[in-house]
Amino acid sequence: MIAYKLVRKMKDGQLSPLFINKKSRLPIGKWMEAEDHPTKGFAHRKGWHCTLSANAPHLKENPKGGNKRVWVKVEVQRFLKYDRPESQGGTWVLADRMKILNEI
């Protein structure tokens, strides 16, 4: 299934998760297994968090003083759909496996 994920784009061009395990890097074109990283202040929901469209109104795309955020198109496998309010992008996809296809 195709989905979309908002990620950080580092100054060197590498991609990284926004909040959870944010020191890791996300390669393009390689399957990645979801890991479990409980993080204080965040709900515990294992899986790659993606949306059905490139839309997450609750997240800023270009926060002050931080790295740029970009949307990537991803392919996901073994996923659950998780209903969220439209103000949080609507349905989320929580996937066990994800491959970044390209930046959009």
N, C-alpha and C. Protein backbone atom coordinates (compact mmCIF):
# COMPACT_ATOMS: atom_id res chain seq x y z
N MET A 1 0.84 -1.17 0.00
CA MET A 1 0.00 0.00 0.00
C MET A 1 0.89 1.24 0.00
N ILE A 2 0.46 2.27 -0.67
CA ILE A 2 1.17 3.55 -0.72
C ILE A 2 0.63 4.45 0.39
N ALA A 3 1.53 5.13 1.09
CA ALA A 3 1.18 6.08 2.14
C ALA A 3 2.20 7.22 2.11
N TYR A 4 2.08 8.13 3.07
CA TYR A 4 2.94 9.31 3.09
C TYR A 4 3.43 9.54 4.52
N LYS A 5 4.66 10.04 4.65
CA LYS A 5 5.25 10.27 5.97
C LYS A 5 6.00 11.60 5.96
N LEU A 6 5.81 12.37 7.03
CA LEU A 6 6.54 13.61 7.20
C LEU A 6 7.82 13.29 7.96
N VAL A 7 8.96 13.69 7.42
CA VAL A 7 10.26 13.39 8.04
C VAL A 7 11.11 14.66 8.08
N ARG A 8 12.19 14.60 8.85
CA ARG A 8 13.14 15.71 8.88
C ARG A 8 14.16 15.50 7.76
N LYS A 9 14.50 16.58 7.10
CA LYS A 9 15.57 16.53 6.11
C LYS A 9 16.76 17.28 6.72
N MET A 10 17.81 16.53 6.99
CA MET A 10 18.98 17.10 7.64
C MET A 10 19.74 18.00 6.66
N LYS A 11 20.63 18.82 7.19
CA LYS A 11 21.41 19.74 6.35
C LYS A 11 22.23 18.99 5.32
N ASP A 12 22.63 17.75 5.64
CA ASP A 12 23.42 16.96 4.69
C ASP A 12 22.55 16.18 3.70
N GLY A 13 21.22 16.39 3.76
CA GLY A 13 20.30 15.75 2.82
C GLY A 13 19.72 14.43 3.31
N GLN A 14 20.24 13.89 4.39
CA GLN A 14 19.71 12.63 4.92
C GLN A 14 18.35 12.86 5.56
N LEU A 15 17.56 11.79 5.61
CA LEU A 15 16.22 11.84 6.20
C LEU A 15 16.24 11.19 7.57
N SER A 16 15.38 11.72 8.47
CA SER A 16 15.34 11.24 9.85
C SER A 16 13.90 11.34 10.36
N PRO A 17 13.51 10.47 11.31
CA PRO A 17 12.17 10.59 11.92
C PRO A 17 12.02 11.93 12.63
N LEU A 18 10.77 12.39 12.78
CA LEU A 18 10.51 13.66 13.44
C LEU A 18 10.77 13.63 14.94
N PHE A 19 10.27 12.60 15.63
CA PHE A 19 10.28 12.62 17.08
C PHE A 19 10.89 11.37 17.72
N ILE A 20 10.43 10.20 17.33
CA ILE A 20 10.83 8.95 17.97
C ILE A 20 12.08 8.40 17.28
N ASN A 21 13.11 8.09 18.07
CA ASN A 21 14.38 7.58 17.53
C ASN A 21 14.94 8.52 16.45
N LYS A 22 14.88 9.80 16.74
CA LYS A 22 15.21 10.81 15.73
C LYS A 22 16.68 10.91 15.35
N LYS A 23 17.55 10.20 16.06
CA LYS A 23 18.96 10.20 15.67
C LYS A 23 19.24 9.20 14.54
N SER A 24 18.28 8.33 14.28
CA SER A 24 18.46 7.34 13.20
C SER A 24 18.30 8.02 11.85
N ARG A 25 18.76 7.37 10.81
CA ARG A 25 18.62 7.88 9.44
C ARG A 25 17.76 6.90 8.64
N LEU A 26 16.98 7.44 7.71
CA LEU A 26 16.04 6.66 6.93
C LEU A 26 16.50 6.61 5.47
N PRO A 27 16.95 5.45 5.02
CA PRO A 27 17.43 5.34 3.63
C PRO A 27 16.26 5.29 2.64
N ILE A 28 16.50 5.76 1.46
CA ILE A 28 15.50 5.68 0.38
C ILE A 28 15.70 4.34 -0.33
N GLY A 29 14.58 3.66 -0.62
CA GLY A 29 14.62 2.44 -1.41
C GLY A 29 14.97 1.17 -0.65
N LYS A 30 14.99 1.22 0.67
CA LYS A 30 15.34 0.04 1.46
C LYS A 30 14.22 -0.26 2.45
N TRP A 31 13.81 -1.53 2.52
CA TRP A 31 12.79 -1.92 3.49
C TRP A 31 13.33 -1.78 4.90
N MET A 32 12.52 -1.20 5.79
CA MET A 32 12.90 -1.02 7.19
C MET A 32 11.81 -1.62 8.07
N GLU A 33 12.23 -2.37 9.06
CA GLU A 33 11.31 -2.94 10.05
C GLU A 33 11.07 -1.91 11.14
N ALA A 34 9.84 -1.82 11.61
CA ALA A 34 9.54 -0.93 12.73
C ALA A 34 10.21 -1.45 13.99
N GLU A 35 10.71 -0.54 14.77
CA GLU A 35 11.30 -0.87 16.07
C GLU A 35 10.44 -0.24 17.15
N ASP A 36 10.57 -0.72 18.36
CA ASP A 36 9.78 -0.21 19.47
C ASP A 36 10.66 0.69 20.34
N HIS A 37 10.34 1.97 20.37
CA HIS A 37 11.11 2.95 21.15
C HIS A 37 10.15 3.78 22.00
N PRO A 38 9.67 3.24 23.14
CA PRO A 38 8.81 4.04 24.01
C PRO A 38 9.50 5.35 24.37
N THR A 39 8.78 6.46 24.25
CA THR A 39 9.37 7.78 24.46
C THR A 39 8.47 8.59 25.37
N LYS A 40 9.03 9.11 26.44
CA LYS A 40 8.28 9.91 27.40
C LYS A 40 7.59 11.07 26.69
N GLY A 41 6.31 11.26 27.00
CA GLY A 41 5.56 12.37 26.41
C GLY A 41 4.82 12.00 25.14
N PHE A 42 5.02 10.77 24.64
CA PHE A 42 4.36 10.33 23.41
C PHE A 42 3.56 9.07 23.68
N ALA A 43 2.39 8.94 23.05
CA ALA A 43 1.60 7.72 23.16
C ALA A 43 2.41 6.57 22.57
N HIS A 44 2.31 5.41 23.19
CA HIS A 44 3.06 4.25 22.71
C HIS A 44 2.25 3.54 21.62
N ARG A 45 2.67 3.70 20.39
CA ARG A 45 2.05 3.05 19.23
C ARG A 45 3.17 2.56 18.33
N LYS A 46 3.51 1.27 18.45
CA LYS A 46 4.61 0.71 17.66
C LYS A 46 4.25 0.74 16.17
N GLY A 47 5.22 1.06 15.35
CA GLY A 47 5.04 1.04 13.91
C GLY A 47 5.48 2.35 13.28
N TRP A 48 5.68 2.29 11.99
CA TRP A 48 5.96 3.51 11.23
C TRP A 48 4.65 4.27 11.09
N HIS A 49 4.60 5.51 11.52
CA HIS A 49 3.38 6.32 11.47
C HIS A 49 3.34 7.07 10.15
N CYS A 50 2.31 6.77 9.36
CA CYS A 50 2.15 7.37 8.04
C CYS A 50 0.70 7.85 7.90
N THR A 51 0.42 8.57 6.85
CA THR A 51 -0.93 9.02 6.56
C THR A 51 -1.32 8.58 5.15
N LEU A 52 -2.62 8.66 4.85
CA LEU A 52 -3.10 8.25 3.53
C LEU A 52 -2.89 9.33 2.47
N SER A 53 -2.65 10.56 2.93
CA SER A 53 -2.30 11.65 2.02
C SER A 53 -1.24 12.50 2.72
N ALA A 54 -0.57 13.34 1.97
CA ALA A 54 0.49 14.18 2.53
C ALA A 54 -0.15 15.35 3.27
N ASN A 55 -0.75 15.03 4.43
CA ASN A 55 -1.50 16.02 5.18
C ASN A 55 -1.45 15.70 6.67
N ALA A 56 -0.90 16.60 7.46
CA ALA A 56 -0.88 16.48 8.92
C ALA A 56 -0.92 17.89 9.49
N PRO A 57 -2.12 18.50 9.53
CA PRO A 57 -2.23 19.91 9.94
C PRO A 57 -1.65 20.22 11.32
N HIS A 58 -1.54 19.24 12.19
CA HIS A 58 -1.04 19.47 13.54
C HIS A 58 0.49 19.57 13.61
N LEU A 59 1.17 19.28 12.50
CA LEU A 59 2.63 19.33 12.46
C LEU A 59 3.10 20.43 11.51
N LYS A 60 4.03 21.25 11.97
CA LYS A 60 4.59 22.30 11.11
C LYS A 60 5.58 21.69 10.13
N GLU A 61 5.52 22.14 8.89
CA GLU A 61 6.46 21.62 7.89
C GLU A 61 7.82 22.29 7.98
N ASN A 62 7.87 23.51 8.46
CA ASN A 62 9.15 24.22 8.59
C ASN A 62 9.21 24.93 9.94
N PRO A 63 9.50 24.17 11.01
CA PRO A 63 9.57 24.78 12.34
C PRO A 63 10.74 25.75 12.46
N LYS A 64 10.61 26.72 13.36
CA LYS A 64 11.67 27.70 13.58
C LYS A 64 12.93 27.04 14.11
N GLY A 65 14.07 27.42 13.57
CA GLY A 65 15.35 26.98 14.08
C GLY A 65 15.66 25.51 13.93
N GLY A 66 14.83 24.78 13.22
CA GLY A 66 15.07 23.35 13.09
C GLY A 66 15.40 22.94 11.67
N ASN A 67 15.59 21.66 11.50
CA ASN A 67 15.80 21.14 10.17
C ASN A 67 14.50 21.20 9.38
N LYS A 68 14.61 21.24 8.11
CA LYS A 68 13.46 21.27 7.21
C LYS A 68 12.70 19.95 7.32
N ARG A 69 11.41 19.98 7.19
CA ARG A 69 10.59 18.77 7.15
C ARG A 69 10.05 18.60 5.74
N VAL A 70 10.04 17.36 5.27
CA VAL A 70 9.57 17.07 3.92
C VAL A 70 8.66 15.84 3.96
N TRP A 71 7.77 15.76 3.01
CA TRP A 71 6.91 14.59 2.85
C TRP A 71 7.61 13.59 1.94
N VAL A 72 7.50 12.32 2.31
CA VAL A 72 8.00 11.26 1.45
C VAL A 72 6.85 10.30 1.14
N LYS A 73 6.90 9.77 -0.06
CA LYS A 73 5.96 8.73 -0.47
C LYS A 73 6.57 7.40 -0.07
N VAL A 74 5.79 6.55 0.59
CA VAL A 74 6.31 5.29 1.10
C VAL A 74 5.42 4.13 0.67
N GLU A 75 6.01 2.96 0.66
CA GLU A 75 5.26 1.72 0.51
C GLU A 75 5.28 1.06 1.88
N VAL A 76 4.14 0.57 2.34
CA VAL A 76 4.07 -0.07 3.65
C VAL A 76 3.52 -1.49 3.53
N GLN A 77 3.92 -2.32 4.46
CA GLN A 77 3.44 -3.70 4.55
C GLN A 77 3.08 -3.99 6.00
N ARG A 78 2.18 -4.95 6.17
CA ARG A 78 1.73 -5.37 7.51
C ARG A 78 1.37 -4.15 8.35
N PHE A 79 0.25 -3.57 8.08
CA PHE A 79 -0.15 -2.32 8.71
C PHE A 79 -1.56 -2.41 9.31
N LEU A 80 -1.82 -1.49 10.22
CA LEU A 80 -3.14 -1.26 10.79
C LEU A 80 -3.53 0.16 10.47
N LYS A 81 -4.81 0.40 10.28
CA LYS A 81 -5.29 1.77 10.12
C LYS A 81 -5.81 2.24 11.48
N TYR A 82 -5.50 3.47 11.81
CA TYR A 82 -5.79 4.02 13.12
C TYR A 82 -6.54 5.33 12.91
N ASP A 83 -7.80 5.39 13.31
CA ASP A 83 -8.61 6.59 13.09
C ASP A 83 -8.18 7.74 13.99
N ARG A 84 -7.91 8.88 13.37
CA ARG A 84 -7.52 10.10 14.07
C ARG A 84 -8.37 11.24 13.54
N PRO A 85 -8.48 12.33 14.27
CA PRO A 85 -9.25 13.48 13.78
C PRO A 85 -8.63 14.07 12.50
N GLU A 86 -9.46 14.71 11.70
CA GLU A 86 -8.95 15.36 10.48
C GLU A 86 -7.88 16.39 10.82
N SER A 87 -7.97 17.00 11.99
CA SER A 87 -6.96 17.99 12.41
C SER A 87 -5.59 17.36 12.62
N GLN A 88 -5.56 16.01 12.67
CA GLN A 88 -4.29 15.28 12.79
C GLN A 88 -4.03 14.44 11.54
N GLY A 89 -4.65 14.81 10.44
CA GLY A 89 -4.40 14.14 9.17
C GLY A 89 -5.37 13.02 8.85
N GLY A 90 -6.37 12.80 9.69
CA GLY A 90 -7.33 11.73 9.43
C GLY A 90 -6.71 10.37 9.74
N THR A 91 -7.05 9.38 8.97
CA THR A 91 -6.58 8.01 9.23
C THR A 91 -5.06 7.93 9.17
N TRP A 92 -4.48 7.34 10.22
CA TRP A 92 -3.06 7.04 10.24
C TRP A 92 -2.87 5.59 9.86
N VAL A 93 -1.74 5.29 9.29
CA VAL A 93 -1.34 3.93 8.99
C VAL A 93 -0.14 3.63 9.89
N LEU A 94 -0.25 2.57 10.68
CA LEU A 94 0.87 2.13 11.53
C LEU A 94 1.39 0.84 10.92
N ALA A 95 2.58 0.91 10.34
CA ALA A 95 3.11 -0.20 9.55
C ALA A 95 4.29 -0.88 10.22
N ASP A 96 4.35 -2.20 10.08
CA ASP A 96 5.50 -2.97 10.56
C ASP A 96 6.71 -2.81 9.64
N ARG A 97 6.44 -2.59 8.34
CA ARG A 97 7.52 -2.42 7.36
C ARG A 97 7.24 -1.22 6.50
N MET A 98 8.31 -0.50 6.15
CA MET A 98 8.16 0.68 5.31
C MET A 98 9.38 0.84 4.42
N LYS A 99 9.14 1.29 3.20
CA LYS A 99 10.21 1.63 2.26
C LYS A 99 9.91 3.01 1.69
N ILE A 100 10.87 3.93 1.84
CA ILE A 100 10.69 5.26 1.25
C ILE A 100 10.94 5.16 -0.25
N LEU A 101 9.95 5.63 -1.01
CA LEU A 101 10.07 5.60 -2.47
C LEU A 101 10.74 6.86 -3.00
N ASN A 102 10.27 8.02 -2.54
CA ASN A 102 10.84 9.28 -2.98
C ASN A 102 10.30 10.44 -2.15
N GLU A 103 11.02 11.53 -2.21
CA GLU A 103 10.57 12.78 -1.59
C GLU A 103 9.56 13.42 -2.53
N ILE A 104 8.50 14.00 -1.96
CA ILE A 104 7.51 14.67 -2.83
C ILE A 104 7.49 16.16 -2.59
